[in-house]
């Protein structure tokens, strides 16, 4: 988890917490799809829509299947110029 930028994590955490309807403290750098009951297939779609709306991440089939962890989301943001 050393590769997670703390600034990006600070942006991602509230978006995921709101999408999954959980306390932000439950969103950790190690969190992955399926770790919380709320992050199931329907919750994942909520996460994707929220990331697109709040952070401007374009949603594609590759995005949906690839962004299945907080780490992957942060790496994707870093690789696309979000800092």
N, C-alpha and C. Protein backbone atom coordinates (compact mmCIF):
# COMPACT_ATOMS: atom_id res chain seq x y z
N UNK A 1 0.80 -1.19 0.00
CA UNK A 1 0.00 0.00 0.00
C UNK A 1 0.85 1.27 0.00
N UNK A 2 2.16 1.12 -0.07
CA UNK A 2 3.04 2.28 -0.07
C UNK A 2 2.83 3.15 -1.30
N UNK A 3 2.23 2.58 -2.35
CA UNK A 3 2.09 3.32 -3.60
C UNK A 3 0.89 4.26 -3.61
N UNK A 4 0.11 4.29 -2.56
CA UNK A 4 -1.07 5.16 -2.53
C UNK A 4 -0.65 6.57 -2.10
N UNK A 5 -0.94 7.52 -2.95
CA UNK A 5 -0.68 8.93 -2.66
C UNK A 5 -1.72 9.40 -1.64
N UNK A 6 -1.27 9.99 -0.56
CA UNK A 6 -2.18 10.39 0.51
C UNK A 6 -3.16 11.48 0.05
N UNK A 7 -2.72 12.35 -0.85
CA UNK A 7 -3.61 13.39 -1.37
C UNK A 7 -4.73 12.78 -2.19
N UNK A 8 -4.39 11.79 -3.03
CA UNK A 8 -5.41 11.12 -3.83
C UNK A 8 -6.34 10.32 -2.93
N UNK A 9 -5.78 9.65 -1.93
CA UNK A 9 -6.61 8.89 -1.00
C UNK A 9 -7.60 9.81 -0.29
N UNK A 10 -7.16 11.00 0.06
CA UNK A 10 -8.03 11.97 0.72
C UNK A 10 -9.18 12.40 -0.19
N UNK A 11 -8.98 12.38 -1.51
CA UNK A 11 -10.05 12.70 -2.46
C UNK A 11 -10.99 11.51 -2.66
N UNK A 12 -10.42 10.32 -2.70
CA UNK A 12 -11.18 9.11 -2.99
C UNK A 12 -12.03 8.68 -1.80
N UNK A 13 -11.48 8.80 -0.61
CA UNK A 13 -12.14 8.29 0.60
C UNK A 13 -13.58 8.80 0.77
N UNK A 14 -13.83 10.11 0.72
CA UNK A 14 -15.22 10.56 0.91
C UNK A 14 -16.15 10.15 -0.23
N UNK A 15 -15.62 10.03 -1.43
CA UNK A 15 -16.44 9.63 -2.57
C UNK A 15 -16.89 8.18 -2.39
N UNK A 16 -15.97 7.31 -2.01
CA UNK A 16 -16.33 5.92 -1.78
C UNK A 16 -17.26 5.78 -0.58
N UNK A 17 -16.99 6.51 0.48
CA UNK A 17 -17.83 6.43 1.67
C UNK A 17 -19.26 6.83 1.33
N UNK A 18 -19.43 7.89 0.57
CA UNK A 18 -20.78 8.33 0.19
C UNK A 18 -21.44 7.33 -0.74
N UNK A 19 -20.69 6.81 -1.70
CA UNK A 19 -21.26 5.84 -2.66
C UNK A 19 -21.69 4.56 -1.96
N UNK A 20 -20.90 4.13 -0.99
CA UNK A 20 -21.19 2.87 -0.30
C UNK A 20 -22.03 3.07 0.95
N UNK A 21 -22.29 4.33 1.29
CA UNK A 21 -23.09 4.68 2.47
C UNK A 21 -22.49 4.08 3.75
N UNK A 22 -21.18 4.31 3.92
CA UNK A 22 -20.48 3.88 5.12
C UNK A 22 -19.71 5.06 5.69
N UNK A 23 -19.26 4.92 6.92
CA UNK A 23 -18.41 5.94 7.53
C UNK A 23 -17.08 5.96 6.80
N UNK A 24 -16.53 7.14 6.62
CA UNK A 24 -15.25 7.28 5.92
C UNK A 24 -14.13 6.47 6.57
N UNK A 25 -14.23 6.23 7.87
CA UNK A 25 -13.21 5.44 8.57
C UNK A 25 -13.15 4.00 8.05
N UNK A 26 -14.23 3.53 7.43
CA UNK A 26 -14.24 2.17 6.88
C UNK A 26 -13.51 2.08 5.54
N UNK A 27 -13.23 3.23 4.94
CA UNK A 27 -12.51 3.26 3.67
C UNK A 27 -11.02 3.37 3.97
N UNK A 28 -10.31 2.29 3.79
CA UNK A 28 -8.87 2.24 4.07
C UNK A 28 -8.11 2.05 2.77
N UNK A 29 -6.81 2.32 2.77
CA UNK A 29 -6.03 2.10 1.55
C UNK A 29 -6.04 0.65 1.08
N UNK A 30 -6.26 -0.29 1.98
CA UNK A 30 -6.25 -1.71 1.61
C UNK A 30 -7.62 -2.24 1.17
N UNK A 31 -8.66 -1.42 1.22
CA UNK A 31 -10.01 -1.87 0.92
C UNK A 31 -10.14 -2.31 -0.53
N UNK A 32 -10.84 -3.44 -0.72
CA UNK A 32 -11.08 -3.97 -2.05
C UNK A 32 -12.54 -4.34 -2.22
N UNK A 33 -12.95 -4.46 -3.46
CA UNK A 33 -14.28 -4.94 -3.80
C UNK A 33 -14.57 -6.21 -3.00
N UNK A 34 -15.73 -6.24 -2.35
CA UNK A 34 -16.11 -7.41 -1.58
C UNK A 34 -15.72 -7.38 -0.12
N UNK A 35 -14.83 -6.48 0.27
CA UNK A 35 -14.41 -6.40 1.67
C UNK A 35 -15.54 -5.91 2.58
N UNK A 36 -16.38 -5.06 2.04
CA UNK A 36 -17.56 -4.57 2.77
C UNK A 36 -18.80 -5.15 2.09
N UNK A 37 -19.83 -5.51 2.85
CA UNK A 37 -21.05 -6.01 2.22
C UNK A 37 -21.62 -5.02 1.20
N UNK A 38 -21.42 -3.72 1.46
CA UNK A 38 -21.95 -2.69 0.56
C UNK A 38 -21.21 -2.64 -0.78
N UNK A 39 -19.95 -3.12 -0.80
CA UNK A 39 -19.18 -3.08 -2.05
C UNK A 39 -19.36 -4.40 -2.78
N UNK A 40 -20.61 -4.65 -3.18
CA UNK A 40 -20.95 -5.79 -4.02
C UNK A 40 -21.08 -5.27 -5.45
N UNK A 41 -21.69 -6.05 -6.33
CA UNK A 41 -21.78 -5.62 -7.73
C UNK A 41 -22.59 -4.33 -7.90
N UNK A 42 -23.68 -4.21 -7.14
CA UNK A 42 -24.47 -2.97 -7.23
C UNK A 42 -23.72 -1.80 -6.59
N UNK A 43 -23.08 -2.05 -5.48
CA UNK A 43 -22.27 -1.02 -4.83
C UNK A 43 -21.13 -0.57 -5.73
N UNK A 44 -20.57 -1.51 -6.49
CA UNK A 44 -19.48 -1.16 -7.39
C UNK A 44 -19.95 -0.19 -8.46
N UNK A 45 -21.16 -0.39 -8.95
CA UNK A 45 -21.69 0.55 -9.95
C UNK A 45 -21.89 1.93 -9.33
N UNK A 46 -22.33 1.97 -8.08
CA UNK A 46 -22.46 3.25 -7.36
C UNK A 46 -21.09 3.93 -7.24
N UNK A 47 -20.08 3.13 -6.92
CA UNK A 47 -18.71 3.67 -6.81
C UNK A 47 -18.28 4.25 -8.16
N UNK A 48 -18.51 3.51 -9.24
CA UNK A 48 -18.07 3.97 -10.56
C UNK A 48 -18.78 5.27 -10.95
N UNK A 49 -20.08 5.33 -10.73
CA UNK A 49 -20.84 6.55 -11.08
C UNK A 49 -20.34 7.72 -10.23
N UNK A 50 -20.10 7.47 -8.96
CA UNK A 50 -19.61 8.54 -8.07
C UNK A 50 -18.23 9.01 -8.49
N UNK A 51 -17.35 8.09 -8.86
CA UNK A 51 -16.02 8.49 -9.31
C UNK A 51 -16.11 9.34 -10.58
N UNK A 52 -17.00 8.94 -11.48
CA UNK A 52 -17.17 9.71 -12.72
C UNK A 52 -17.73 11.10 -12.41
N UNK A 53 -18.73 11.16 -11.57
CA UNK A 53 -19.39 12.43 -11.25
C UNK A 53 -18.50 13.35 -10.42
N UNK A 54 -17.93 12.81 -9.36
CA UNK A 54 -17.18 13.64 -8.41
C UNK A 54 -15.74 13.92 -8.84
N UNK A 55 -15.10 12.95 -9.50
CA UNK A 55 -13.68 13.12 -9.81
C UNK A 55 -13.39 13.16 -11.31
N UNK A 56 -14.41 13.02 -12.14
CA UNK A 56 -14.22 13.13 -13.58
C UNK A 56 -13.53 11.95 -14.23
N UNK A 57 -13.63 10.78 -13.62
CA UNK A 57 -13.04 9.58 -14.23
C UNK A 57 -14.00 9.06 -15.29
N UNK A 58 -13.58 9.00 -16.56
CA UNK A 58 -14.47 8.42 -17.58
C UNK A 58 -14.69 6.93 -17.29
N UNK A 59 -15.92 6.50 -17.40
CA UNK A 59 -16.25 5.10 -17.12
C UNK A 59 -16.31 4.32 -18.43
N UNK A 60 -15.52 3.27 -18.48
CA UNK A 60 -15.49 2.35 -19.61
C UNK A 60 -15.59 0.93 -19.04
N UNK A 61 -15.80 -0.07 -19.88
CA UNK A 61 -15.81 -1.44 -19.35
C UNK A 61 -14.49 -1.79 -18.63
N UNK A 62 -13.38 -1.29 -19.16
CA UNK A 62 -12.09 -1.54 -18.52
C UNK A 62 -12.00 -0.87 -17.15
N UNK A 63 -12.57 0.32 -17.06
CA UNK A 63 -12.59 1.04 -15.79
C UNK A 63 -13.40 0.24 -14.76
N UNK A 64 -14.56 -0.21 -15.17
CA UNK A 64 -15.45 -0.93 -14.25
C UNK A 64 -14.77 -2.20 -13.74
N UNK A 65 -14.11 -2.93 -14.61
CA UNK A 65 -13.48 -4.18 -14.17
C UNK A 65 -12.13 -3.98 -13.52
N UNK A 66 -11.49 -2.86 -13.77
CA UNK A 66 -10.15 -2.65 -13.24
C UNK A 66 -10.06 -1.92 -11.92
N UNK A 67 -11.05 -1.10 -11.62
CA UNK A 67 -10.98 -0.29 -10.41
C UNK A 67 -11.72 -0.97 -9.26
N UNK A 68 -11.14 -2.05 -8.78
CA UNK A 68 -11.80 -2.86 -7.76
C UNK A 68 -11.11 -2.78 -6.40
N UNK A 69 -10.30 -1.77 -6.21
CA UNK A 69 -9.68 -1.54 -4.91
C UNK A 69 -9.37 -0.06 -4.77
N UNK A 70 -9.21 0.38 -3.55
CA UNK A 70 -8.82 1.77 -3.31
C UNK A 70 -7.47 2.03 -3.96
N UNK A 71 -6.57 1.08 -3.84
CA UNK A 71 -5.24 1.25 -4.44
C UNK A 71 -5.34 1.41 -5.96
N UNK A 72 -6.12 0.58 -6.62
CA UNK A 72 -6.28 0.68 -8.08
C UNK A 72 -6.91 2.01 -8.48
N UNK A 73 -7.88 2.47 -7.71
CA UNK A 73 -8.52 3.75 -8.00
C UNK A 73 -7.50 4.88 -7.89
N UNK A 74 -6.72 4.89 -6.81
CA UNK A 74 -5.71 5.93 -6.62
C UNK A 74 -4.64 5.88 -7.71
N UNK A 75 -4.21 4.67 -8.08
CA UNK A 75 -3.21 4.54 -9.15
C UNK A 75 -3.76 5.03 -10.48
N UNK A 76 -5.03 4.73 -10.74
CA UNK A 76 -5.67 5.20 -11.97
C UNK A 76 -5.72 6.73 -12.00
N UNK A 77 -6.08 7.34 -10.88
CA UNK A 77 -6.11 8.79 -10.81
C UNK A 77 -4.72 9.38 -11.02
N UNK A 78 -3.73 8.79 -10.38
CA UNK A 78 -2.35 9.28 -10.52
C UNK A 78 -1.88 9.18 -11.96
N UNK A 79 -2.24 8.09 -12.63
CA UNK A 79 -1.82 7.88 -14.00
C UNK A 79 -2.55 8.76 -15.00
N UNK A 80 -3.60 9.40 -14.56
CA UNK A 80 -4.38 10.25 -15.46
C UNK A 80 -4.36 11.71 -15.05
N UNK A 81 -3.31 12.09 -14.35
CA UNK A 81 -3.09 13.49 -14.05
C UNK A 81 -3.91 14.10 -12.92
N UNK A 82 -4.59 13.29 -12.13
CA UNK A 82 -5.32 13.81 -10.98
C UNK A 82 -4.37 13.82 -9.78
N UNK A 83 -4.15 14.98 -9.25
CA UNK A 83 -3.25 15.04 -8.09
C UNK A 83 -3.88 15.83 -6.98
